[in-house]
Amino acid sequence: MENVAPALVTPALIAFTSALLVGFGAHFVAEDYRRFRDSTAIAASLAGEMGSIILSLPGLRTSLTEMKDSLDKRQPIALPEMPHQPSPIFEANAERIGLLGADFAGRVAFTYDQIRAFRTSFQLVSKHHTTMDPAWSSLLIGRCLQLVESNQANTEILIDNLKLYSESWYVRAKWVQMAVLTGITLISLSGLIVALFSL
């Protein structure tokens, strides 16, 4: 009689531990999948927003070059004051950019900071070009052109990378985690089955 309790406790403990590990693994996978799904949606949205900006660059570059040429000749330019231009998708997801991973998060943040710098410079020109010296306006327009030239290629690469990421499958992107969790689950289930048959 004295050996009955230990004989029952050990399989029961194994069964409990195995069930706990399986439950934890399932919860971890479900939460990780939700975060991955959210990150791919953010990636697709950001790629769309940046892609829209890239499409406008050829015409914008031409306009900026013409404005700078006129300003360098101290000629007036016809430029109405521009309102503040937001980046609604980036601003709505700024706190969740980290879901994309450190590399994407850093590149996205840098790109949108460059976009903000362009918009700030261009807005200043549009607001003050009638009262400031043409050389001042030309300097800011030159800054806008430099921002376009130095960032377009990297932004196009980032857009392509974000599109590829948004189309990736969870199992392919997270194969290491899935392999580890599958191994833990199989070991736990084996322990659970052995424990049940030992009761």
C-alpha atoms as a PDB file:
ATOM      1  CA  MET A   1       0.000   0.000   0.000  1.00  0.00           C
ATOM      2  CA  GLU A   2       2.872   2.361   0.756  1.00  0.00           C
ATOM      3  CA  ASN A   3       4.126   2.147  -2.846  1.00  0.00           C
ATOM      4  CA  VAL A   4       0.765   2.877  -4.464  1.00  0.00           C
ATOM      5  CA  ALA A   5       0.800   6.640  -3.912  1.00  0.00           C
ATOM      6  CA  PRO A   6       4.244   7.295  -5.450  1.00  0.00           C
ATOM      7  CA  ALA A   7       3.371   5.017  -8.349  1.00  0.00           C
ATOM      8  CA  LEU A   8       0.288   7.124  -9.049  1.00  0.00           C
ATOM      9  CA  VAL A   9       1.849  10.517  -8.347  1.00  0.00           C
ATOM     10  CA  THR A  10       4.719  10.206 -10.857  1.00  0.00           C
ATOM     11  CA  PRO A  11       2.552   9.459 -13.942  1.00  0.00           C
ATOM     12  CA  ALA A  12       0.041  12.083 -12.826  1.00  0.00           C
ATOM     13  CA  LEU A  13       2.810  14.663 -12.500  1.00  0.00           C
ATOM     14  CA  ILE A  14       4.155  13.751 -15.930  1.00  0.00           C
ATOM     15  CA  ALA A  15       0.658  14.036 -17.392  1.00  0.00           C
ATOM     16  CA  PHE A  16       0.099  17.433 -15.778  1.00  0.00           C
ATOM     17  CA  THR A  17       3.491  18.766 -16.909  1.00  0.00           C
ATOM     18  CA  SER A  18       2.985  17.485 -20.448  1.00  0.00           C
ATOM     19  CA  ALA A  19      -0.479  19.023 -20.689  1.00  0.00           C
ATOM     20  CA  LEU A  20       0.899  22.306 -19.357  1.00  0.00           C
ATOM     21  CA  LEU A  21       3.688  22.357 -21.945  1.00  0.00           C
ATOM     22  CA  VAL A  22       1.279  21.578 -24.785  1.00  0.00           C
ATOM     23  CA  GLY A  23      -1.067  24.339 -23.638  1.00  0.00           C
ATOM     24  CA  PHE A  24       1.767  26.835 -23.306  1.00  0.00           C
ATOM     25  CA  GLY A  25       3.101  25.923 -26.742  1.00  0.00           C
ATOM     26  CA  ALA A  26      -0.323  26.338 -28.343  1.00  0.00           C
ATOM     27  CA  HIS A  27      -0.802  29.727 -26.673  1.00  0.00           C
ATOM     28  CA  PHE A  28       2.659  30.873 -27.753  1.00  0.00           C
ATOM     29  CA  VAL A  29       2.068  29.859 -31.374  1.00  0.00           C
ATOM     30  CA  ALA A  30      -1.352  31.560 -31.444  1.00  0.00           C
ATOM     31  CA  GLU A  31       0.055  34.826 -30.054  1.00  0.00           C
ATOM     32  CA  ASP A  32       3.103  34.710 -32.309  1.00  0.00           C
ATOM     33  CA  TYR A  33       0.889  34.089 -35.354  1.00  0.00           C
ATOM     34  CA  ARG A  34      -1.310  37.067 -34.445  1.00  0.00           C
ATOM     35  CA  ARG A  35       1.745  39.321 -34.208  1.00  0.00           C
ATOM     36  CA  PHE A  36       3.085  37.965 -37.504  1.00  0.00           C
ATOM     37  CA  ARG A  37      -0.270  38.541 -39.220  1.00  0.00           C
ATOM     38  CA  ASP A  38      -0.374  42.117 -37.905  1.00  0.00           C
ATOM     39  CA  SER A  39       3.190  42.748 -39.048  1.00  0.00           C
ATOM     40  CA  THR A  40       2.484  41.579 -42.608  1.00  0.00           C
ATOM     41  CA  ALA A  41      -0.563  43.859 -42.777  1.00  0.00           C
ATOM     42  CA  ILE A  42       1.535  46.804 -41.569  1.00  0.00           C
ATOM     43  CA  ALA A  43       4.254  45.965 -44.098  1.00  0.00           C
ATOM     44  CA  ALA A  44       1.771  45.898 -46.983  1.00  0.00           C
ATOM     45  CA  SER A  45       0.183  49.182 -45.885  1.00  0.00           C
ATOM     46  CA  LEU A  46       3.510  50.986 -45.531  1.00  0.00           C
ATOM     47  CA  ALA A  47       4.680  49.655 -48.890  1.00  0.00           C
ATOM     48  CA  GLY A  48       1.512  51.061 -50.452  1.00  0.00           C
ATOM     49  CA  GLU A  49       1.922  54.474 -48.822  1.00  0.00           C
ATOM     50  CA  MET A  50       5.588  54.787 -49.760  1.00  0.00           C
ATOM     51  CA  GLY A  51       4.877  53.433 -53.236  1.00  0.00           C
ATOM     52  CA  SER A  52       2.370  56.222 -53.805  1.00  0.00           C
ATOM     53  CA  ILE A  53       5.025  58.781 -52.864  1.00  0.00           C
ATOM     54  CA  ILE A  54       7.584  57.183 -55.191  1.00  0.00           C
ATOM     55  CA  LEU A  55       5.157  57.413 -58.130  1.00  0.00           C
ATOM     56  CA  SER A  56       4.998  61.190 -57.736  1.00  0.00           C
ATOM     57  CA  LEU A  57       8.772  61.711 -57.773  1.00  0.00           C
ATOM     58  CA  PRO A  58       9.449  62.058 -61.542  1.00  0.00           C
ATOM     59  CA  GLY A  59       7.069  65.009 -61.893  1.00  0.00           C
ATOM     60  CA  LEU A  60       8.151  66.447 -58.550  1.00  0.00           C
ATOM     61  CA  ARG A  61      11.825  66.309 -59.486  1.00  0.00           C
ATOM     62  CA  THR A  62      11.111  68.193 -62.720  1.00  0.00           C
ATOM     63  CA  SER A  63       9.126  70.877 -60.901  1.00  0.00           C
ATOM     64  CA  LEU A  64      11.793  71.323 -58.234  1.00  0.00           C
ATOM     65  CA  THR A  65      14.544  71.643 -60.842  1.00  0.00           C
ATOM     66  CA  GLU A  66      12.576  74.293 -62.740  1.00  0.00           C
ATOM     67  CA  MET A  67      11.882  76.225 -59.535  1.00  0.00           C
ATOM     68  CA  LYS A  68      15.534  76.158 -58.528  1.00  0.00           C
ATOM     69  CA  ASP A  69      16.613  77.386 -61.970  1.00  0.00           C
ATOM     70  CA  SER A  70      14.188  80.312 -61.706  1.00  0.00           C
ATOM     71  CA  LEU A  71      15.286  81.171 -58.179  1.00  0.00           C
ATOM     72  CA  ASP A  72      18.958  81.026 -59.150  1.00  0.00           C
ATOM     73  CA  LYS A  73      18.120  83.656 -61.797  1.00  0.00           C
ATOM     74  CA  ARG A  74      16.313  85.609 -59.061  1.00  0.00           C
ATOM     75  CA  GLN A  75      13.013  85.151 -60.863  1.00  0.00           C
ATOM     76  CA  PRO A  76       9.750  84.718 -58.926  1.00  0.00           C
ATOM     77  CA  ILE A  77       8.082  81.312 -58.769  1.00  0.00           C
ATOM     78  CA  ALA A  78       4.379  80.512 -58.711  1.00  0.00           C
ATOM     79  CA  LEU A  79       4.014  78.349 -55.624  1.00  0.00           C
ATOM     80  CA  PRO A  80       0.976  78.531 -53.342  1.00  0.00           C
ATOM     81  CA  GLU A  81       1.396  77.826 -49.649  1.00  0.00           C
ATOM     82  CA  MET A  82       1.260  74.092 -49.031  1.00  0.00           C
ATOM     83  CA  PRO A  83      -0.711  72.680 -46.094  1.00  0.00           C
ATOM     84  CA  HIS A  84       0.736  70.113 -43.712  1.00  0.00           C
ATOM     85  CA  GLN A  85       0.942  66.719 -45.418  1.00  0.00           C
ATOM     86  CA  PRO A  86       0.593  63.765 -43.040  1.00  0.00           C
ATOM     87  CA  SER A  87       1.561  60.133 -43.533  1.00  0.00           C
ATOM     88  CA  PRO A  88      -1.637  58.582 -42.144  1.00  0.00           C
ATOM     89  CA  ILE A  89      -0.649  54.917 -42.354  1.00  0.00           C
ATOM     90  CA  PHE A  90       2.759  55.422 -40.756  1.00  0.00           C
ATOM     91  CA  GLU A  91       1.359  57.701 -38.054  1.00  0.00           C
ATOM     92  CA  ALA A  92      -1.430  55.233 -37.237  1.00  0.00           C
ATOM     93  CA  ASN A  93       1.072  52.377 -36.857  1.00  0.00           C
ATOM     94  CA  ALA A  94       4.123  54.200 -35.469  1.00  0.00           C
ATOM     95  CA  GLU A  95       3.940  52.385 -32.115  1.00  0.00           C
ATOM     96  CA  ARG A  96       3.669  48.989 -33.811  1.00  0.00           C
ATOM     97  CA  ILE A  97       6.520  49.316 -36.315  1.00  0.00           C
ATOM     98  CA  GLY A  98       8.593  47.130 -33.987  1.00  0.00           C
ATOM     99  CA  LEU A  99       6.483  44.148 -35.075  1.00  0.00           C
ATOM    100  CA  LEU A 100       8.379  44.262 -38.370  1.00  0.00           C
ATOM    101  CA  GLY A 101      11.656  43.456 -36.620  1.00  0.00           C
ATOM    102  CA  ALA A 102      14.645  45.662 -35.860  1.00  0.00           C
ATOM    103  CA  ASP A 103      15.952  45.965 -39.431  1.00  0.00           C
ATOM    104  CA  PHE A 104      12.634  46.928 -41.027  1.00  0.00           C
ATOM    105  CA  ALA A 105      11.705  49.187 -38.107  1.00  0.00           C
ATOM    106  CA  GLY A 106      14.941  51.149 -38.427  1.00  0.00           C
ATOM    107  CA  ARG A 107      14.714  51.498 -42.199  1.00  0.00           C
ATOM    108  CA  VAL A 108      11.056  52.520 -42.122  1.00  0.00           C
ATOM    109  CA  ALA A 109      11.639  55.097 -39.377  1.00  0.00           C
ATOM    110  CA  PHE A 110      14.611  56.583 -41.256  1.00  0.00           C
ATOM    111  CA  THR A 111      12.673  56.780 -44.532  1.00  0.00           C
ATOM    112  CA  TYR A 112       9.709  58.564 -42.979  1.00  0.00           C
ATOM    113  CA  ASP A 113      12.045  60.957 -41.180  1.00  0.00           C
ATOM    114  CA  GLN A 114      13.526  61.859 -44.571  1.00  0.00           C
ATOM    115  CA  ILE A 115      10.016  62.344 -45.966  1.00  0.00           C
ATOM    116  CA  ARG A 116       9.218  64.627 -43.042  1.00  0.00           C
ATOM    117  CA  ALA A 117      12.407  66.630 -43.669  1.00  0.00           C
ATOM    118  CA  PHE A 118      11.432  67.077 -47.325  1.00  0.00           C
ATOM    119  CA  ARG A 119       7.925  68.208 -46.479  1.00  0.00           C
ATOM    120  CA  THR A 120       9.163  70.649 -43.839  1.00  0.00           C
ATOM    121  CA  SER A 121      11.633  72.267 -46.258  1.00  0.00           C
ATOM    122  CA  PHE A 122       9.110  72.446 -49.081  1.00  0.00           C
ATOM    123  CA  GLN A 123       6.429  73.878 -46.815  1.00  0.00           C
ATOM    124  CA  LEU A 124       8.833  76.597 -45.639  1.00  0.00           C
ATOM    125  CA  VAL A 125       9.547  77.589 -49.246  1.00  0.00           C
ATOM    126  CA  SER A 126       5.868  77.652 -50.149  1.00  0.00           C
ATOM    127  CA  LYS A 127       5.097  79.866 -47.163  1.00  0.00           C
ATOM    128  CA  HIS A 128       7.984  82.349 -47.327  1.00  0.00           C
ATOM    129  CA  HIS A 129       9.303  82.457 -50.912  1.00  0.00           C
ATOM    130  CA  THR A 130       7.499  85.747 -51.621  1.00  0.00           C
ATOM    131  CA  THR A 131       9.141  87.540 -48.687  1.00  0.00           C
ATOM    132  CA  MET A 132      12.543  85.849 -48.417  1.00  0.00           C
ATOM    133  CA  ASP A 133      15.562  86.295 -50.675  1.00  0.00           C
ATOM    134  CA  PRO A 134      15.521  83.959 -53.722  1.00  0.00           C
ATOM    135  CA  ALA A 135      18.870  82.519 -52.621  1.00  0.00           C
ATOM    136  CA  TRP A 136      17.241  81.304 -49.387  1.00  0.00           C
ATOM    137  CA  SER A 137      14.408  79.650 -51.302  1.00  0.00           C
ATOM    138  CA  SER A 138      16.867  78.139 -53.785  1.00  0.00           C
ATOM    139  CA  LEU A 139      18.862  76.648 -50.915  1.00  0.00           C
ATOM    140  CA  LEU A 140      15.781  74.913 -49.505  1.00  0.00           C
ATOM    141  CA  ILE A 141      14.653  73.700 -52.928  1.00  0.00           C
ATOM    142  CA  GLY A 142      18.149  72.299 -53.434  1.00  0.00           C
ATOM    143  CA  ARG A 143      17.793  70.535 -50.099  1.00  0.00           C
ATOM    144  CA  CYS A 144      14.507  69.016 -51.285  1.00  0.00           C
ATOM    145  CA  LEU A 145      16.160  67.770 -54.488  1.00  0.00           C
ATOM    146  CA  GLN A 146      19.033  66.288 -52.499  1.00  0.00           C
ATOM    147  CA  LEU A 147      16.610  64.436 -50.219  1.00  0.00           C
ATOM    148  CA  VAL A 148      14.830  62.961 -53.240  1.00  0.00           C
ATOM    149  CA  GLU A 149      18.034  61.917 -54.994  1.00  0.00           C
ATOM    150  CA  SER A 150      19.687  60.379 -51.933  1.00  0.00           C
ATOM    151  CA  ASN A 151      16.669  58.388 -50.739  1.00  0.00           C
ATOM    152  CA  GLN A 152      14.745  57.210 -53.803  1.00  0.00           C
ATOM    153  CA  ALA A 153      16.793  54.079 -54.563  1.00  0.00           C
ATOM    154  CA  ASN A 154      16.863  52.839 -50.957  1.00  0.00           C
ATOM    155  CA  THR A 155      13.155  53.560 -50.557  1.00  0.00           C
ATOM    156  CA  GLU A 156      12.328  51.526 -53.664  1.00  0.00           C
ATOM    157  CA  ILE A 157      14.353  48.615 -52.262  1.00  0.00           C
ATOM    158  CA  LEU A 158      12.569  48.953 -48.918  1.00  0.00           C
ATOM    159  CA  ILE A 159       9.179  48.897 -50.643  1.00  0.00           C
ATOM    160  CA  ASP A 160      10.100  45.689 -52.498  1.00  0.00           C
ATOM    161  CA  ASN A 161      11.365  44.106 -49.261  1.00  0.00           C
ATOM    162  CA  LEU A 162       8.177  45.036 -47.403  1.00  0.00           C
ATOM    163  CA  LYS A 163       6.041  43.586 -50.195  1.00  0.00           C
ATOM    164  CA  LEU A 164       7.959  40.309 -50.079  1.00  0.00           C
ATOM    165  CA  TYR A 165       7.621  40.166 -46.304  1.00  0.00           C
ATOM    166  CA  SER A 166       3.884  40.879 -46.470  1.00  0.00           C
ATOM    167  CA  GLU A 167       3.447  37.910 -48.834  1.00  0.00           C
ATOM    168  CA  SER A 168       5.493  35.460 -46.741  1.00  0.00           C
ATOM    169  CA  TRP A 169       3.935  32.450 -45.004  1.00  0.00           C
ATOM    170  CA  TYR A 170       4.065  32.094 -41.256  1.00  0.00           C
ATOM    171  CA  VAL A 171       5.646  28.617 -41.269  1.00  0.00           C
ATOM    172  CA  ARG A 172       8.344  29.668 -43.740  1.00  0.00           C
ATOM    173  CA  ALA A 173       9.170  32.888 -41.876  1.00  0.00           C
ATOM    174  CA  LYS A 174       9.131  31.266 -38.430  1.00  0.00           C
ATOM    175  CA  TRP A 175      10.449  27.800 -39.252  1.00  0.00           C
ATOM    176  CA  VAL A 176      12.955  27.698 -36.375  1.00  0.00           C
ATOM    177  CA  GLN A 177      10.321  28.563 -33.774  1.00  0.00           C
ATOM    178  CA  MET A 178       7.887  26.120 -35.347  1.00  0.00           C
ATOM    179  CA  ALA A 179      10.464  23.309 -35.327  1.00  0.00           C
ATOM    180  CA  VAL A 180      11.284  23.890 -31.653  1.00  0.00           C
ATOM    181  CA  LEU A 181       7.637  24.100 -30.624  1.00  0.00           C
ATOM    182  CA  THR A 182       6.761  21.017 -32.656  1.00  0.00           C
ATOM    183  CA  GLY A 183       9.538  19.093 -30.915  1.00  0.00           C
ATOM    184  CA  ILE A 184       8.380  20.244 -27.475  1.00  0.00           C
ATOM    185  CA  THR A 185       4.792  19.346 -28.321  1.00  0.00           C
ATOM    186  CA  LEU A 186       5.702  15.855 -29.565  1.00  0.00           C
ATOM    187  CA  ILE A 187       7.832  15.148 -26.494  1.00  0.00           C
ATOM    188  CA  SER A 188       5.070  16.428 -24.217  1.00  0.00           C
ATOM    189  CA  LEU A 189       2.405  14.355 -25.955  1.00  0.00           C
ATOM    190  CA  SER A 190       4.621  11.274 -25.734  1.00  0.00           C
ATOM    191  CA  GLY A 191       5.072  11.879 -22.018  1.00  0.00           C
ATOM    192  CA  LEU A 192       1.335  12.386 -21.610  1.00  0.00           C
ATOM    193  CA  ILE A 193       0.510   9.112 -23.385  1.00  0.00           C
ATOM    194  CA  VAL A 194       3.097   7.178 -21.381  1.00  0.00           C
ATOM    195  CA  ALA A 195       1.793   8.701 -18.163  1.00  0.00           C
ATOM    196  CA  LEU A 196      -1.821   7.837 -18.979  1.00  0.00           C
ATOM    197  CA  PHE A 197      -0.969   4.220 -19.720  1.00  0.00           C
ATOM    198  CA  SER A 198       1.024   4.035 -16.498  1.00  0.00           C
ATOM    199  CA  LEU A 199      -1.926   5.049 -14.323  1.00  0.00           C
END
